[in-house]
Amino acid sequence: MSISLPNGATLKLATVYGSAIPITAASNANPAVLTAAAHGLANGDLVEATSGWSRINNRIFRVSLSAAGTFALEGLDSSNTVTYTPGGGVGSVRKITTLTQITQILETTSSGGEMGFTEVSLLENDFSTQLPTQASAQSIAISIADDPTLAGFIAVKAAAETRTPRALVVTLPNSSVILYNGIVSLDETPSLTKNSIMAVKSTFSLQGRPVRY
């Protein structure tokens, strides 16, 4: 059994990306190996994936097994040819080149992501069953101690104005990393509660499932 506290966790927002790197082939393997000429990626680089495979699209992955003309998406098992149609994984990736830490975070909370179910009740049965359908939309709310001069605040504000997906990298004290990709919004009006820290709220609306390493 392992019990952890979040104390010391850091959150970083992707602020600069490289140019899109075309993916000309994607293997059905564990891990999935992508073909891209002169990709220039190194092991450990973080990339945003755009792919014909919906399970990969709009997600952030870590590069592994980098070689001339190929690299792998660490932890991605694409060997199921029903889910990952052979030949359907072409697309592109963008390397995240700059991450800006969001400092003075008071707390983060997650909402959504709950699995939905449909009830099955057959005429000949005297009981009902249920089948899982899909998870609901998920978002992460970040409470930040108010200081509009901080680099992290400025980065969040800029991301909220563009409304384009950005990566959010959460590094836990045990060195585990959670990678999110979502659209940022920001309420710049600080809370005003007597004897409490003034805070603003940013919401991160996920555009794909998180990846954890």
Protein backbone atom coordinates (compact mmCIF):
# COMPACT_ATOMS: atom_id res chain seq x y z
CA MET A 1 0.00 0.00 0.00
CA SER A 2 1.21 3.50 -0.82
CA ILE A 3 -0.32 6.71 0.48
CA SER A 4 0.75 10.06 -0.92
CA LEU A 5 0.20 13.73 -0.19
CA PRO A 6 0.06 16.32 -2.99
CA ASN A 7 2.33 18.74 -1.11
CA GLY A 8 5.06 19.90 -3.49
CA ALA A 9 3.22 19.10 -6.72
CA THR A 10 3.79 21.54 -9.58
CA LEU A 11 1.60 22.55 -12.52
CA LYS A 12 3.09 23.84 -15.76
CA LEU A 13 1.27 25.19 -18.81
CA ALA A 14 2.58 24.73 -22.34
CA THR A 15 3.21 28.18 -23.80
CA VAL A 16 5.32 27.46 -26.90
CA TYR A 17 5.04 24.61 -29.41
CA GLY A 18 7.21 23.56 -32.33
CA SER A 19 5.94 23.20 -35.87
CA ALA A 20 3.70 20.25 -36.73
CA ILE A 21 5.68 17.12 -37.63
CA PRO A 22 3.84 14.96 -40.22
CA ILE A 23 3.28 11.32 -39.25
CA THR A 24 3.26 9.07 -42.31
CA ALA A 25 2.68 5.73 -40.56
CA ALA A 26 1.75 4.37 -37.14
CA SER A 27 2.28 0.77 -36.08
CA ASN A 28 -0.09 -1.52 -34.23
CA ALA A 29 2.28 -2.34 -31.39
CA ASN A 30 3.05 -1.81 -27.72
CA PRO A 31 4.24 0.89 -27.67
CA ALA A 32 2.97 2.44 -30.89
CA VAL A 33 5.84 3.44 -33.19
CA LEU A 34 5.31 6.44 -35.47
CA THR A 35 7.16 7.16 -38.69
CA ALA A 36 8.23 10.76 -39.31
CA ALA A 37 11.14 11.83 -41.47
CA ALA A 38 13.75 14.03 -39.74
CA HIS A 39 11.50 14.47 -36.71
CA GLY A 40 14.26 15.75 -34.41
CA LEU A 41 12.57 14.40 -31.28
CA ALA A 42 14.47 12.99 -28.31
CA ASN A 43 13.43 10.54 -25.62
CA GLY A 44 11.50 12.39 -22.92
CA ASP A 45 10.13 15.11 -25.19
CA LEU A 46 6.44 15.88 -24.75
CA VAL A 47 4.26 16.03 -27.85
CA GLU A 48 0.65 16.84 -28.67
CA ALA A 49 -0.80 14.24 -31.02
CA THR A 50 -3.23 14.79 -33.87
CA SER A 51 -4.25 11.45 -35.33
CA GLY A 52 -6.87 9.52 -37.24
CA TRP A 53 -6.97 7.24 -34.21
CA SER A 54 -9.46 8.91 -31.87
CA ARG A 55 -7.86 7.30 -28.79
CA ILE A 56 -4.69 9.29 -29.53
CA ASN A 57 -6.12 12.51 -30.92
CA ASN A 58 -5.77 15.63 -28.75
CA ARG A 59 -3.67 13.88 -26.11
CA ILE A 60 -0.18 14.54 -24.76
CA PHE A 61 2.45 11.80 -24.81
CA ARG A 62 6.09 11.35 -23.90
CA VAL A 63 8.51 10.30 -26.63
CA SER A 64 10.47 7.05 -26.27
CA LEU A 65 12.56 4.78 -28.52
CA SER A 66 13.58 7.74 -30.66
CA ALA A 67 15.54 6.73 -33.77
CA ALA A 68 16.20 8.08 -37.24
CA GLY A 69 12.79 8.47 -38.87
CA THR A 70 10.78 6.84 -36.07
CA PHE A 71 9.81 7.28 -32.44
CA ALA A 72 7.35 5.72 -30.00
CA LEU A 73 4.60 7.18 -27.84
CA GLU A 74 5.52 5.87 -24.40
CA GLY A 75 2.85 3.73 -22.78
CA LEU A 76 0.51 3.67 -25.78
CA ASP A 77 -0.58 0.14 -26.70
CA SER A 78 -2.10 0.27 -30.20
CA SER A 79 -1.99 -3.49 -30.81
CA ASN A 80 -5.80 -3.80 -30.81
CA THR A 81 -6.60 -3.52 -34.52
CA VAL A 82 -10.31 -3.04 -33.85
CA THR A 83 -9.75 0.12 -31.82
CA TYR A 84 -6.68 1.20 -33.78
CA THR A 85 -7.47 0.59 -37.45
CA PRO A 86 -4.31 -0.43 -39.35
CA GLY A 87 -3.13 2.49 -41.47
CA GLY A 88 -5.45 4.92 -39.71
CA GLY A 89 -2.98 6.50 -37.31
CA VAL A 90 -1.42 9.05 -39.65
CA GLY A 91 -1.53 12.70 -38.63
CA SER A 92 1.02 14.91 -36.90
CA VAL A 93 2.63 15.79 -33.57
CA ARG A 94 3.83 19.07 -32.09
CA LYS A 95 6.69 19.21 -29.62
CA ILE A 96 6.13 21.27 -26.49
CA THR A 97 9.17 23.53 -26.33
CA THR A 98 8.33 25.81 -23.38
CA LEU A 99 6.46 25.15 -20.14
CA THR A 100 5.58 27.95 -17.70
CA GLN A 101 4.90 27.04 -14.08
CA ILE A 102 1.66 28.26 -12.55
CA THR A 103 2.71 29.36 -9.07
CA GLN A 104 0.75 30.29 -5.92
CA ILE A 105 -1.81 27.53 -6.46
CA LEU A 106 -4.11 27.11 -3.49
CA GLU A 107 -5.94 23.99 -4.66
CA THR A 108 -7.14 22.09 -7.70
CA THR A 109 -10.40 20.19 -8.06
CA SER A 110 -11.62 17.87 -10.79
CA SER A 111 -15.21 17.58 -11.96
CA GLY A 112 -16.85 15.30 -14.50
CA GLY A 113 -15.25 12.17 -15.86
CA GLU A 114 -17.92 9.97 -14.30
CA MET A 115 -18.92 6.92 -16.30
CA GLY A 116 -22.45 6.91 -17.72
CA PHE A 117 -24.60 3.80 -17.84
CA THR A 118 -27.60 2.55 -19.77
CA GLU A 119 -30.08 0.16 -18.17
CA VAL A 120 -30.99 -3.07 -19.91
CA SER A 121 -34.29 -4.69 -18.98
CA LEU A 122 -35.34 -7.66 -21.10
CA LEU A 123 -38.95 -8.78 -21.14
CA GLU A 124 -38.12 -12.35 -20.18
CA ASN A 125 -35.98 -11.35 -17.19
CA ASP A 126 -37.15 -10.39 -13.72
CA PHE A 127 -34.06 -8.24 -13.15
CA SER A 128 -32.26 -5.39 -14.89
CA THR A 129 -28.61 -4.96 -15.79
CA GLN A 130 -26.56 -2.00 -16.85
CA LEU A 131 -23.86 -1.35 -19.42
CA PRO A 132 -21.23 1.39 -19.22
CA THR A 133 -21.52 3.98 -22.01
CA GLN A 134 -18.95 6.78 -21.88
CA ALA A 135 -17.40 9.16 -19.38
CA SER A 136 -18.80 12.67 -19.02
CA ALA A 137 -16.82 15.76 -20.00
CA GLN A 138 -14.08 16.51 -17.47
CA SER A 139 -12.57 19.76 -16.25
CA ILE A 140 -10.01 20.87 -13.68
CA ALA A 141 -10.54 24.02 -11.61
CA ILE A 142 -7.39 25.74 -10.36
CA SER A 143 -7.55 28.29 -7.54
CA ILE A 144 -4.62 30.73 -7.77
CA ALA A 145 -3.62 33.31 -5.17
CA ASP A 146 -4.21 36.63 -6.92
CA ASP A 147 -1.15 38.32 -8.43
CA PRO A 148 -1.53 39.42 -12.07
CA THR A 149 2.21 40.10 -12.38
CA LEU A 150 3.24 36.45 -12.06
CA ALA A 151 4.50 34.66 -15.18
CA GLY A 152 2.09 31.79 -14.59
CA PHE A 153 -0.90 34.13 -14.30
CA ILE A 154 0.13 35.91 -17.50
CA ALA A 155 0.48 32.56 -19.30
CA VAL A 156 -2.94 31.39 -18.14
CA LYS A 157 -4.52 34.69 -19.20
CA ALA A 158 -2.93 34.49 -22.66
CA ALA A 159 -4.10 30.89 -23.09
CA ALA A 160 -7.63 31.83 -22.06
CA GLU A 161 -7.73 34.57 -24.68
CA THR A 162 -6.69 32.26 -27.52
CA ARG A 163 -9.03 29.41 -26.55
CA THR A 164 -6.80 26.88 -28.27
CA PRO A 165 -5.89 23.59 -26.54
CA ARG A 166 -2.86 23.75 -24.25
CA ALA A 167 -0.99 21.04 -22.41
CA LEU A 168 -1.00 21.04 -18.62
CA VAL A 169 1.80 19.06 -16.98
CA VAL A 170 1.29 18.03 -13.36
CA THR A 171 4.39 16.66 -11.63
CA LEU A 172 3.70 14.91 -8.33
CA PRO A 173 6.16 14.70 -5.41
CA ASN A 174 6.88 11.03 -6.24
CA SER A 175 7.97 12.12 -9.76
CA SER A 176 4.83 10.72 -11.39
CA VAL A 177 3.62 12.94 -14.22
CA ILE A 178 0.05 13.53 -15.42
CA LEU A 179 -0.40 15.07 -18.87
CA TYR A 180 -3.61 16.90 -19.74
CA ASN A 181 -4.68 18.69 -22.90
CA GLY A 182 -7.48 21.21 -22.69
CA ILE A 183 -8.89 24.67 -23.26
CA VAL A 184 -8.12 27.28 -20.61
CA SER A 185 -10.57 29.82 -19.22
CA LEU A 186 -9.93 32.39 -16.50
CA ASP A 187 -12.09 34.41 -14.14
CA GLU A 188 -9.85 37.39 -13.34
CA THR A 189 -12.10 38.73 -10.58
CA PRO A 190 -10.48 37.75 -7.27
CA SER A 191 -12.48 36.38 -4.38
CA LEU A 192 -12.95 38.88 -1.55
CA THR A 193 -13.60 37.03 1.69
CA LYS A 194 -12.52 38.63 4.94
CA ASN A 195 -9.40 37.03 6.45
CA SER A 196 -9.04 34.72 3.43
CA ILE A 197 -6.51 34.76 0.59
CA MET A 198 -7.70 36.58 -2.51
CA ALA A 199 -7.84 34.09 -5.36
CA VAL A 200 -8.79 33.83 -9.01
CA LYS A 201 -10.11 30.71 -10.71
CA SER A 202 -8.91 29.09 -13.91
CA THR A 203 -10.76 26.18 -15.49
CA PHE A 204 -9.10 23.63 -17.74
CA SER A 205 -11.61 21.84 -20.00
CA LEU A 206 -10.11 18.55 -21.15
CA GLN A 207 -10.14 17.76 -24.87
CA GLY A 208 -8.83 14.22 -24.45
CA ARG A 209 -8.12 11.65 -21.79
CA PRO A 210 -5.15 12.35 -19.52
CA VAL A 211 -1.94 10.33 -19.78
CA ARG A 212 -0.05 9.32 -16.64
CA TYR A 213 3.54 8.18 -16.29
